[in-house]
Amino acid sequence: MTKTPLSEAKVQEMIASDPDAPEATDAQLAQAKPFTEAFPALAEKMRKNVGGRPKAENPKGAVSLRLDPEVVSRFKAGGPGWQTRMNEALRQAAGLT
């Protein structure tokens, strides 16, 4: 995005109007540390994905697929898990279950 004088002025106005998030000073920025140095244990946990979702035995592949909006809406209307339900319907249609 190209900054214009007007957009930069608006950004500065918004920064100045938020007392809970003042702009960092040059001195504060000079003392800043990378996340991995400031929180090494948390960074390591995130890197290892400890406590996160376990690795799937048969991970699914991401694809780009064009579907009729009505088809997607029907599956989404069933609430969370719609992609899993759609996958199961495709498996059945392909004769895999």
PDB file of N, CA and C in Angstrom:
ATOM      1  N   MET A   1       0.844  -1.165   0.000  1.00  0.00           N
ATOM      2  CA  MET A   1       0.000   0.000   0.000  1.00  0.00           C
ATOM      3  C   MET A   1       0.894   1.234   0.000  1.00  0.00           C
ATOM      4  N   THR A   2       0.616   2.159  -0.868  1.00  0.00           N
ATOM      5  CA  THR A   2       1.389   3.380  -0.948  1.00  0.00           C
ATOM      6  C   THR A   2       0.856   4.376   0.070  1.00  0.00           C
ATOM      7  N   LYS A   3       1.767   4.946   0.841  1.00  0.00           N
ATOM      8  CA  LYS A   3       1.347   5.949   1.812  1.00  0.00           C
ATOM      9  C   LYS A   3       1.190   7.283   1.108  1.00  0.00           C
ATOM     10  N   THR A   4       0.096   7.935   1.390  1.00  0.00           N
ATOM     11  CA  THR A   4      -0.114   9.292   0.907  1.00  0.00           C
ATOM     12  C   THR A   4      -0.066  10.200   2.124  1.00  0.00           C
ATOM     13  N   PRO A   5       0.196  11.484   1.922  1.00  0.00           N
ATOM     14  CA  PRO A   5       0.216  12.382   3.089  1.00  0.00           C
ATOM     15  C   PRO A   5      -1.089  12.321   3.886  1.00  0.00           C
ATOM     16  N   LEU A   6      -2.212  12.173   3.200  1.00  0.00           N
ATOM     17  CA  LEU A   6      -3.494  12.117   3.890  1.00  0.00           C
ATOM     18  C   LEU A   6      -3.605  10.836   4.709  1.00  0.00           C
ATOM     19  N   SER A   7      -3.247   9.712   4.126  1.00  0.00           N
ATOM     20  CA  SER A   7      -3.373   8.462   4.867  1.00  0.00           C
ATOM     21  C   SER A   7      -2.400   8.427   6.042  1.00  0.00           C
ATOM     22  N   GLU A   8      -1.190   8.952   5.880  1.00  0.00           N
ATOM     23  CA  GLU A   8      -0.224   8.992   6.978  1.00  0.00           C
ATOM     24  C   GLU A   8      -0.730   9.892   8.096  1.00  0.00           C
ATOM     25  N   ALA A   9      -1.342  10.994   7.748  1.00  0.00           N
ATOM     26  CA  ALA A   9      -1.897  11.897   8.761  1.00  0.00           C
ATOM     27  C   ALA A   9      -3.015  11.198   9.532  1.00  0.00           C
ATOM     28  N   LYS A  10      -3.840  10.444   8.830  1.00  0.00           N
ATOM     29  CA  LYS A  10      -4.937   9.724   9.483  1.00  0.00           C
ATOM     30  C   LYS A  10      -4.379   8.654  10.427  1.00  0.00           C
ATOM     31  N   VAL A  11      -3.346   7.945   9.997  1.00  0.00           N
ATOM     32  CA  VAL A  11      -2.717   6.926  10.850  1.00  0.00           C
ATOM     33  C   VAL A  11      -2.157   7.578  12.107  1.00  0.00           C
ATOM     34  N   GLN A  12      -1.452   8.673  11.965  1.00  0.00           N
ATOM     35  CA  GLN A  12      -0.878   9.362  13.115  1.00  0.00           C
ATOM     36  C   GLN A  12      -1.965   9.870  14.057  1.00  0.00           C
ATOM     37  N   GLU A  13      -3.072  10.325  13.505  1.00  0.00           N
ATOM     38  CA  GLU A  13      -4.198  10.787  14.323  1.00  0.00           C
ATOM     39  C   GLU A  13      -4.784   9.621  15.123  1.00  0.00           C
ATOM     40  N   MET A  14      -4.911   8.470  14.480  1.00  0.00           N
ATOM     41  CA  MET A  14      -5.461   7.305  15.164  1.00  0.00           C
ATOM     42  C   MET A  14      -4.521   6.831  16.277  1.00  0.00           C
ATOM     43  N   ILE A  15      -3.219   6.854  16.016  1.00  0.00           N
ATOM     44  CA  ILE A  15      -2.241   6.464  17.038  1.00  0.00           C
ATOM     45  C   ILE A  15      -2.344   7.398  18.240  1.00  0.00           C
ATOM     46  N   ALA A  16      -2.397   8.681  17.976  1.00  0.00           N
ATOM     47  CA  ALA A  16      -2.440   9.674  19.047  1.00  0.00           C
ATOM     48  C   ALA A  16      -3.733   9.583  19.857  1.00  0.00           C
ATOM     49  N   SER A  17      -4.819   9.101  19.236  1.00  0.00           N
ATOM     50  CA  SER A  17      -6.109   9.070  19.930  1.00  0.00           C
ATOM     51  C   SER A  17      -6.299   7.833  20.800  1.00  0.00           C
ATOM     52  N   ASP A  18      -5.343   6.903  20.788  1.00  0.00           N
ATOM     53  CA  ASP A  18      -5.492   5.661  21.559  1.00  0.00           C
ATOM     54  C   ASP A  18      -4.531   5.674  22.748  1.00  0.00           C
ATOM     55  N   PRO A  19      -5.016   6.049  23.941  1.00  0.00           N
ATOM     56  CA  PRO A  19      -4.128   6.136  25.104  1.00  0.00           C
ATOM     57  C   PRO A  19      -3.633   4.778  25.594  1.00  0.00           C
ATOM     58  N   ASP A  20      -4.311   3.699  25.211  1.00  0.00           N
ATOM     59  CA  ASP A  20      -3.904   2.368  25.656  1.00  0.00           C
ATOM     60  C   ASP A  20      -2.790   1.766  24.804  1.00  0.00           C
ATOM     61  N   ALA A  21      -2.521   2.363  23.668  1.00  0.00           N
ATOM     62  CA  ALA A  21      -1.492   1.827  22.780  1.00  0.00           C
ATOM     63  C   ALA A  21      -0.668   2.962  22.188  1.00  0.00           C
ATOM     64  N   PRO A  22       0.113   3.641  23.039  1.00  0.00           N
ATOM     65  CA  PRO A  22       0.914   4.747  22.508  1.00  0.00           C
ATOM     66  C   PRO A  22       2.010   4.225  21.585  1.00  0.00           C
ATOM     67  N   GLU A  23       2.432   5.061  20.671  1.00  0.00           N
ATOM     68  CA  GLU A  23       3.499   4.688  19.745  1.00  0.00           C
ATOM     69  C   GLU A  23       4.791   4.495  20.529  1.00  0.00           C
ATOM     70  N   ALA A  24       5.527   3.456  20.194  1.00  0.00           N
ATOM     71  CA  ALA A  24       6.791   3.178  20.882  1.00  0.00           C
ATOM     72  C   ALA A  24       7.806   4.268  20.566  1.00  0.00           C
ATOM     73  N   THR A  25       8.581   4.628  21.580  1.00  0.00           N
ATOM     74  CA  THR A  25       9.618   5.637  21.385  1.00  0.00           C
ATOM     75  C   THR A  25      10.867   4.978  20.803  1.00  0.00           C
ATOM     76  N   ASP A  26      11.779   5.796  20.310  1.00  0.00           N
ATOM     77  CA  ASP A  26      13.044   5.270  19.781  1.00  0.00           C
ATOM     78  C   ASP A  26      13.810   4.520  20.873  1.00  0.00           C
ATOM     79  N   ALA A  27      13.758   5.006  22.114  1.00  0.00           N
ATOM     80  CA  ALA A  27      14.454   4.343  23.222  1.00  0.00           C
ATOM     81  C   ALA A  27      13.838   2.976  23.505  1.00  0.00           C
ATOM     82  N   GLN A  28      12.521   2.894  23.462  1.00  0.00           N
ATOM     83  CA  GLN A  28      11.851   1.609  23.681  1.00  0.00           C
ATOM     84  C   GLN A  28      12.179   0.627  22.563  1.00  0.00           C
ATOM     85  N   LEU A  29      12.169   1.111  21.344  1.00  0.00           N
ATOM     86  CA  LEU A  29      12.494   0.244  20.210  1.00  0.00           C
ATOM     87  C   LEU A  29      13.930  -0.254  20.285  1.00  0.00           C
ATOM     88  N   ALA A  30      14.836   0.583  20.789  1.00  0.00           N
ATOM     89  CA  ALA A  30      16.238   0.179  20.914  1.00  0.00           C
ATOM     90  C   ALA A  30      16.405  -0.944  21.932  1.00  0.00           C
ATOM     91  N   GLN A  31      15.517  -1.018  22.923  1.00  0.00           N
ATOM     92  CA  GLN A  31      15.589  -2.059  23.955  1.00  0.00           C
ATOM     93  C   GLN A  31      14.801  -3.316  23.577  1.00  0.00           C
ATOM     94  N   ALA A  32      14.079  -3.268  22.490  1.00  0.00           N
ATOM     95  CA  ALA A  32      13.240  -4.399  22.093  1.00  0.00           C
ATOM     96  C   ALA A  32      14.090  -5.621  21.763  1.00  0.00           C
ATOM     97  N   LYS A  33      13.554  -6.798  22.129  1.00  0.00           N
ATOM     98  CA  LYS A  33      14.232  -8.064  21.859  1.00  0.00           C
ATOM     99  C   LYS A  33      13.359  -8.898  20.930  1.00  0.00           C
ATOM    100  N   PRO A  34      13.971  -9.765  20.164  1.00  0.00           N
ATOM    101  CA  PRO A  34      13.166 -10.689  19.369  1.00  0.00           C
ATOM    102  C   PRO A  34      12.325 -11.573  20.291  1.00  0.00           C
ATOM    103  N   PHE A  35      11.182 -12.011  19.817  1.00  0.00           N
ATOM    104  CA  PHE A  35      10.266 -12.840  20.599  1.00  0.00           C
ATOM    105  C   PHE A  35      10.988 -14.046  21.182  1.00  0.00           C
ATOM    106  N   THR A  36      11.840 -14.687  20.371  1.00  0.00           N
ATOM    107  CA  THR A  36      12.529 -15.898  20.834  1.00  0.00           C
ATOM    108  C   THR A  36      13.472 -15.620  21.994  1.00  0.00           C
ATOM    109  N   GLU A  37      13.989 -14.406  22.096  1.00  0.00           N
ATOM    110  CA  GLU A  37      14.850 -14.042  23.235  1.00  0.00           C
ATOM    111  C   GLU A  37      14.019 -13.633  24.447  1.00  0.00           C
ATOM    112  N   ALA A  38      12.932 -12.924  24.209  1.00  0.00           N
ATOM    113  CA  ALA A  38      12.101 -12.436  25.309  1.00  0.00           C
ATOM    114  C   ALA A  38      11.310 -13.568  25.968  1.00  0.00           C
ATOM    115  N   PHE A  39      10.876 -14.540  25.178  1.00  0.00           N
ATOM    116  CA  PHE A  39      10.068 -15.644  25.688  1.00  0.00           C
ATOM    117  C   PHE A  39      10.587 -16.969  25.128  1.00  0.00           C
ATOM    118  N   PRO A  40      11.790 -17.391  25.532  1.00  0.00           N
ATOM    119  CA  PRO A  40      12.387 -18.580  24.916  1.00  0.00           C
ATOM    120  C   PRO A  40      11.574 -19.859  25.104  1.00  0.00           C
ATOM    121  N   ALA A  41      11.002 -20.067  26.280  1.00  0.00           N
ATOM    122  CA  ALA A  41      10.239 -21.298  26.521  1.00  0.00           C
ATOM    123  C   ALA A  41       8.981 -21.338  25.658  1.00  0.00           C
ATOM    124  N   LEU A  42       8.291 -20.230  25.580  1.00  0.00           N
ATOM    125  CA  LEU A  42       7.085 -20.168  24.770  1.00  0.00           C
ATOM    126  C   LEU A  42       7.424 -20.329  23.291  1.00  0.00           C
ATOM    127  N   ALA A  43       8.505 -19.710  22.859  1.00  0.00           N
ATOM    128  CA  ALA A  43       8.925 -19.835  21.461  1.00  0.00           C
ATOM    129  C   ALA A  43       9.256 -21.282  21.127  1.00  0.00           C
ATOM    130  N   GLU A  44       9.928 -21.975  22.035  1.00  0.00           N
ATOM    131  CA  GLU A  44      10.275 -23.382  21.810  1.00  0.00           C
ATOM    132  C   GLU A  44       9.013 -24.241  21.763  1.00  0.00           C
ATOM    133  N   LYS A  45       8.084 -23.958  22.658  1.00  0.00           N
ATOM    134  CA  LYS A  45       6.825 -24.717  22.683  1.00  0.00           C
ATOM    135  C   LYS A  45       6.073 -24.517  21.371  1.00  0.00           C
ATOM    136  N   MET A  46       6.040 -23.292  20.884  1.00  0.00           N
ATOM    137  CA  MET A  46       5.361 -23.009  19.632  1.00  0.00           C
ATOM    138  C   MET A  46       6.078 -23.682  18.465  1.00  0.00           C
ATOM    139  N   ARG A  47       7.400 -23.686  18.513  1.00  0.00           N
ATOM    140  CA  ARG A  47       8.180 -24.288  17.434  1.00  0.00           C
ATOM    141  C   ARG A  47       7.926 -25.786  17.362  1.00  0.00           C
ATOM    142  N   LYS A  48       7.844 -26.421  18.517  1.00  0.00           N
ATOM    143  CA  LYS A  48       7.632 -27.864  18.570  1.00  0.00           C
ATOM    144  C   LYS A  48       6.159 -28.242  18.460  1.00  0.00           C
ATOM    145  N   ASN A  49       5.273 -27.226  18.566  1.00  0.00           N
ATOM    146  CA  ASN A  49       3.837 -27.459  18.548  1.00  0.00           C
ATOM    147  C   ASN A  49       3.428 -28.364  19.696  1.00  0.00           C
ATOM    148  N   VAL A  50       4.128 -28.244  20.839  1.00  0.00           N
ATOM    149  CA  VAL A  50       3.803 -29.034  22.020  1.00  0.00           C
ATOM    150  C   VAL A  50       2.443 -28.586  22.530  1.00  0.00           C
ATOM    151  N   GLY A  51       1.596 -29.549  22.795  1.00  0.00           N
ATOM    152  CA  GLY A  51       0.275 -29.225  23.306  1.00  0.00           C
ATOM    153  C   GLY A  51      -0.710 -28.849  22.208  1.00  0.00           C
ATOM    154  N   GLY A  52      -0.257 -28.805  20.977  1.00  0.00           N
ATOM    155  CA  GLY A  52      -1.148 -28.469  19.877  1.00  0.00           C
ATOM    156  C   GLY A  52      -1.804 -29.715  19.313  1.00  0.00           C
ATOM    157  N   ARG A  53      -2.350 -29.561  18.162  1.00  0.00           N
ATOM    158  CA  ARG A  53      -3.014 -30.688  17.500  1.00  0.00           C
ATOM    159  C   ARG A  53      -1.972 -31.733  17.129  1.00  0.00           C
ATOM    160  N   PRO A  54      -2.235 -32.993  17.436  1.00  0.00           N
ATOM    161  CA  PRO A  54      -1.275 -34.040  17.078  1.00  0.00           C
ATOM    162  C   PRO A  54      -1.190 -34.206  15.569  1.00  0.00           C
ATOM    163  N   LYS A  55      -0.056 -34.659  15.099  1.00  0.00           N
ATOM    164  CA  LYS A  55       0.137 -34.904  13.673  1.00  0.00           C
ATOM    165  C   LYS A  55      -0.808 -36.019  13.228  1.00  0.00           C
ATOM    166  N   ALA A  56      -1.449 -35.817  12.112  1.00  0.00           N
ATOM    167  CA  ALA A  56      -2.369 -36.812  11.575  1.00  0.00           C
ATOM    168  C   ALA A  56      -1.588 -37.951  10.937  1.00  0.00           C
ATOM    169  N   GLU A  57      -2.112 -39.164  11.083  1.00  0.00           N
ATOM    170  CA  GLU A  57      -1.466 -40.315  10.449  1.00  0.00           C
ATOM    171  C   GLU A  57      -1.580 -40.220   8.936  1.00  0.00           C
ATOM    172  N   ASN A  58      -2.713 -39.759   8.461  1.00  0.00           N
ATOM    173  CA  ASN A  58      -2.954 -39.598   7.025  1.00  0.00           C
ATOM    174  C   ASN A  58      -3.366 -38.149   6.762  1.00  0.00           C
ATOM    175  N   PRO A  59      -2.388 -37.231   6.704  1.00  0.00           N
ATOM    176  CA  PRO A  59      -2.745 -35.822   6.536  1.00  0.00           C
ATOM    177  C   PRO A  59      -3.453 -35.576   5.200  1.00  0.00           C
ATOM    178  N   LYS A  60      -4.386 -34.658   5.235  1.00  0.00           N
ATOM    179  CA  LYS A  60      -5.132 -34.318   4.033  1.00  0.00           C
ATOM    180  C   LYS A  60      -4.337 -33.295   3.225  1.00  0.00           C
ATOM    181  N   GLY A  61      -4.577 -33.277   1.921  1.00  0.00           N
ATOM    182  CA  GLY A  61      -3.915 -32.310   1.049  1.00  0.00           C
ATOM    183  C   GLY A  61      -4.830 -31.146   0.758  1.00  0.00           C
ATOM    184  N   ALA A  62      -4.258 -29.969   0.650  1.00  0.00           N
ATOM    185  CA  ALA A  62      -5.040 -28.776   0.310  1.00  0.00           C
ATOM    186  C   ALA A  62      -5.200 -28.712  -1.207  1.00  0.00           C
ATOM    187  N   VAL A  63      -6.418 -28.426  -1.649  1.00  0.00           N
ATOM    188  CA  VAL A  63      -6.702 -28.279  -3.073  1.00  0.00           C
ATOM    189  C   VAL A  63      -7.578 -27.050  -3.277  1.00  0.00           C
ATOM    190  N   SER A  64      -7.567 -26.550  -4.478  1.00  0.00           N
ATOM    191  CA  SER A  64      -8.479 -25.480  -4.844  1.00  0.00           C
ATOM    192  C   SER A  64      -9.591 -26.117  -5.661  1.00  0.00           C
ATOM    193  N   LEU A  65     -10.822 -25.853  -5.300  1.00  0.00           N
ATOM    194  CA  LEU A  65     -11.947 -26.536  -5.914  1.00  0.00           C
ATOM    195  C   LEU A  65     -13.094 -25.556  -6.068  1.00  0.00           C
ATOM    196  N   ARG A  66     -13.712 -25.536  -7.240  1.00  0.00           N
ATOM    197  CA  ARG A  66     -14.873 -24.664  -7.459  1.00  0.00           C
ATOM    198  C   ARG A  66     -16.142 -25.483  -7.272  1.00  0.00           C
ATOM    199  N   LEU A  67     -16.980 -25.023  -6.358  1.00  0.00           N
ATOM    200  CA  LEU A  67     -18.237 -25.711  -6.060  1.00  0.00           C
ATOM    201  C   LEU A  67     -19.385 -24.721  -6.178  1.00  0.00           C
ATOM    202  N   ASP A  68     -20.577 -25.249  -6.453  1.00  0.00           N
ATOM    203  CA  ASP A  68     -21.757 -24.392  -6.483  1.00  0.00           C
ATOM    204  C   ASP A  68     -21.968 -23.802  -5.094  1.00  0.00           C
ATOM    205  N   PRO A  69     -22.335 -22.519  -5.014  1.00  0.00           N
ATOM    206  CA  PRO A  69     -22.554 -21.892  -3.705  1.00  0.00           C
ATOM    207  C   PRO A  69     -23.601 -22.618  -2.876  1.00  0.00           C
ATOM    208  N   GLU A  70     -24.605 -23.182  -3.530  1.00  0.00           N
ATOM    209  CA  GLU A  70     -25.657 -23.887  -2.797  1.00  0.00           C
ATOM    210  C   GLU A  70     -25.106 -25.135  -2.107  1.00  0.00           C
ATOM    211  N   VAL A  71     -24.158 -25.804  -2.754  1.00  0.00           N
ATOM    212  CA  VAL A  71     -23.563 -27.010  -2.171  1.00  0.00           C
ATOM    213  C   VAL A  71     -22.791 -26.636  -0.908  1.00  0.00           C
ATOM    214  N   VAL A  72     -21.962 -25.600  -1.013  1.00  0.00           N
ATOM    215  CA  VAL A  72     -21.168 -25.163   0.138  1.00  0.00           C
ATOM    216  C   VAL A  72     -22.093 -24.686   1.258  1.00  0.00           C
ATOM    217  N   SER A  73     -23.112 -23.919   0.902  1.00  0.00           N
ATOM    218  CA  SER A  73     -24.056 -23.413   1.913  1.00  0.00           C
ATOM    219  C   SER A  73     -24.751 -24.552   2.652  1.00  0.00           C
ATOM    220  N   ARG A  74     -25.118 -25.597   1.915  1.00  0.00           N
ATOM    221  CA  ARG A  74     -25.809 -26.723   2.536  1.00  0.00           C
ATOM    222  C   ARG A  74     -24.910 -27.401   3.565  1.00  0.00           C
ATOM    223  N   PHE A  75     -23.637 -27.598   3.222  1.00  0.00           N
ATOM    224  CA  PHE A  75     -22.725 -28.233   4.179  1.00  0.00           C
ATOM    225  C   PHE A  75     -22.438 -27.303   5.360  1.00  0.00           C
ATOM    226  N   LYS A  76     -22.237 -26.022   5.091  1.00  0.00           N
ATOM    227  CA  LYS A  76     -21.963 -25.069   6.173  1.00  0.00           C
ATOM    228  C   LYS A  76     -23.149 -24.931   7.120  1.00  0.00           C
ATOM    229  N   ALA A  77     -24.346 -25.103   6.591  1.00  0.00           N
ATOM    230  CA  ALA A  77     -25.552 -24.977   7.419  1.00  0.00           C
ATOM    231  C   ALA A  77     -25.577 -26.019   8.526  1.00  0.00           C
ATOM    232  N   GLY A  78     -24.843 -27.103   8.345  1.00  0.00           N
ATOM    233  CA  GLY A  78     -24.776 -28.135   9.377  1.00  0.00           C
ATOM    234  C   GLY A  78     -23.874 -27.766  10.535  1.00  0.00           C
ATOM    235  N   GLY A  79     -23.228 -26.613  10.460  1.00  0.00           N
ATOM    236  CA  GLY A  79     -22.374 -26.140  11.544  1.00  0.00           C
ATOM    237  C   GLY A  79     -20.935 -26.612  11.417  1.00  0.00           C
ATOM    238  N   PRO A  80     -20.168 -26.475  12.513  1.00  0.00           N
ATOM    239  CA  PRO A  80     -18.759 -26.876  12.498  1.00  0.00           C
ATOM    240  C   PRO A  80     -18.601 -28.334  12.066  1.00  0.00           C
ATOM    241  N   GLY A  81     -17.520 -28.582  11.360  1.00  0.00           N
ATOM    242  CA  GLY A  81     -17.267 -29.922  10.858  1.00  0.00           C
ATOM    243  C   GLY A  81     -17.764 -30.109   9.431  1.00  0.00           C
ATOM    244  N   TRP A  82     -18.185 -29.009   8.784  1.00  0.00           N
ATOM    245  CA  TRP A  82     -18.754 -29.124   7.443  1.00  0.00           C
ATOM    246  C   TRP A  82     -17.737 -29.657   6.439  1.00  0.00           C
ATOM    247  N   GLN A  83     -16.466 -29.311   6.592  1.00  0.00           N
ATOM    248  CA  GLN A  83     -15.460 -29.808   5.651  1.00  0.00           C
ATOM    249  C   GLN A  83     -15.266 -31.318   5.811  1.00  0.00           C
ATOM    250  N   THR A  84     -15.310 -31.793   7.050  1.00  0.00           N
ATOM    251  CA  THR A  84     -15.201 -33.229   7.295  1.00  0.00           C
ATOM    252  C   THR A  84     -16.402 -33.950   6.695  1.00  0.00           C
ATOM    253  N   ARG A  85     -17.592 -33.384   6.866  1.00  0.00           N
ATOM    254  CA  ARG A  85     -18.792 -33.998   6.280  1.00  0.00           C
ATOM    255  C   ARG A  85     -18.722 -33.996   4.759  1.00  0.00           C
ATOM    256  N   MET A  86     -18.205 -32.920   4.183  1.00  0.00           N
ATOM    257  CA  MET A  86     -18.072 -32.857   2.733  1.00  0.00           C
ATOM    258  C   MET A  86     -17.066 -33.906   2.262  1.00  0.00           C
ATOM    259  N   ASN A  87     -15.973 -34.068   2.992  1.00  0.00           N
ATOM    260  CA  ASN A  87     -14.972 -35.076   2.648  1.00  0.00           C
ATOM    261  C   ASN A  87     -15.589 -36.472   2.673  1.00  0.00           C
ATOM    262  N   GLU A  88     -16.408 -36.747   3.701  1.00  0.00           N
ATOM    263  CA  GLU A  88     -17.052 -38.054   3.812  1.00  0.00           C
ATOM    264  C   GLU A  88     -18.018 -38.279   2.655  1.00  0.00           C
ATOM    265  N   ALA A  89     -18.767 -37.258   2.266  1.00  0.00           N
ATOM    266  CA  ALA A  89     -19.696 -37.380   1.136  1.00  0.00           C
ATOM    267  C   ALA A  89     -18.934 -37.659  -0.159  1.00  0.00           C
ATOM    268  N   LEU A  90     -17.798 -37.020  -0.329  1.00  0.00           N
ATOM    269  CA  LEU A  90     -16.976 -37.265  -1.523  1.00  0.00           C
ATOM    270  C   LEU A  90     -16.380 -38.672  -1.495  1.00  0.00           C
ATOM    271  N   ARG A  91     -15.964 -39.124  -0.306  1.00  0.00           N
ATOM    272  CA  ARG A  91     -15.438 -40.493  -0.187  1.00  0.00           C
ATOM    273  C   ARG A  91     -16.520 -41.508  -0.571  1.00  0.00           C
ATOM    274  N   GLN A  92     -17.739 -41.283  -0.106  1.00  0.00           N
ATOM    275  CA  GLN A  92     -18.840 -42.187  -0.445  1.00  0.00           C
ATOM    276  C   GLN A  92     -19.113 -42.160  -1.947  1.00  0.00           C
ATOM    277  N   ALA A  93     -19.131 -40.954  -2.534  1.00  0.00           N
ATOM    278  CA  ALA A  93     -19.403 -40.822  -3.975  1.00  0.00           C
ATOM    279  C   ALA A  93     -18.302 -41.493  -4.799  1.00  0.00           C
ATOM    280  N   ALA A  94     -17.082 -41.503  -4.270  1.00  0.00           N
ATOM    281  CA  ALA A  94     -15.960 -42.134  -4.984  1.00  0.00           C
ATOM    282  C   ALA A  94     -15.863 -43.617  -4.696  1.00  0.00           C
ATOM    283  N   GLY A  95     -16.761 -44.114  -3.863  1.00  0.00           N
ATOM    284  CA  GLY A  95     -16.754 -45.540  -3.531  1.00  0.00           C
ATOM    285  C   GLY A  95     -15.624 -45.950  -2.607  1.00  0.00           C
ATOM    286  N   LEU A  96     -15.178 -45.041  -1.768  1.00  0.00           N
ATOM    287  CA  LEU A  96     -14.058 -45.327  -0.856  1.00  0.00           C
ATOM    288  C   LEU A  96     -14.525 -45.755   0.527  1.00  0.00           C
ATOM    289  N   THR A  97     -15.813 -45.675   0.802  1.00  0.00           N
ATOM    290  CA  THR A  97     -16.320 -46.120   2.112  1.00  0.00           C
ATOM    291  C   THR A  97     -17.492 -47.060   1.930  1.00  0.00           C
TER     292      THR A  97
END
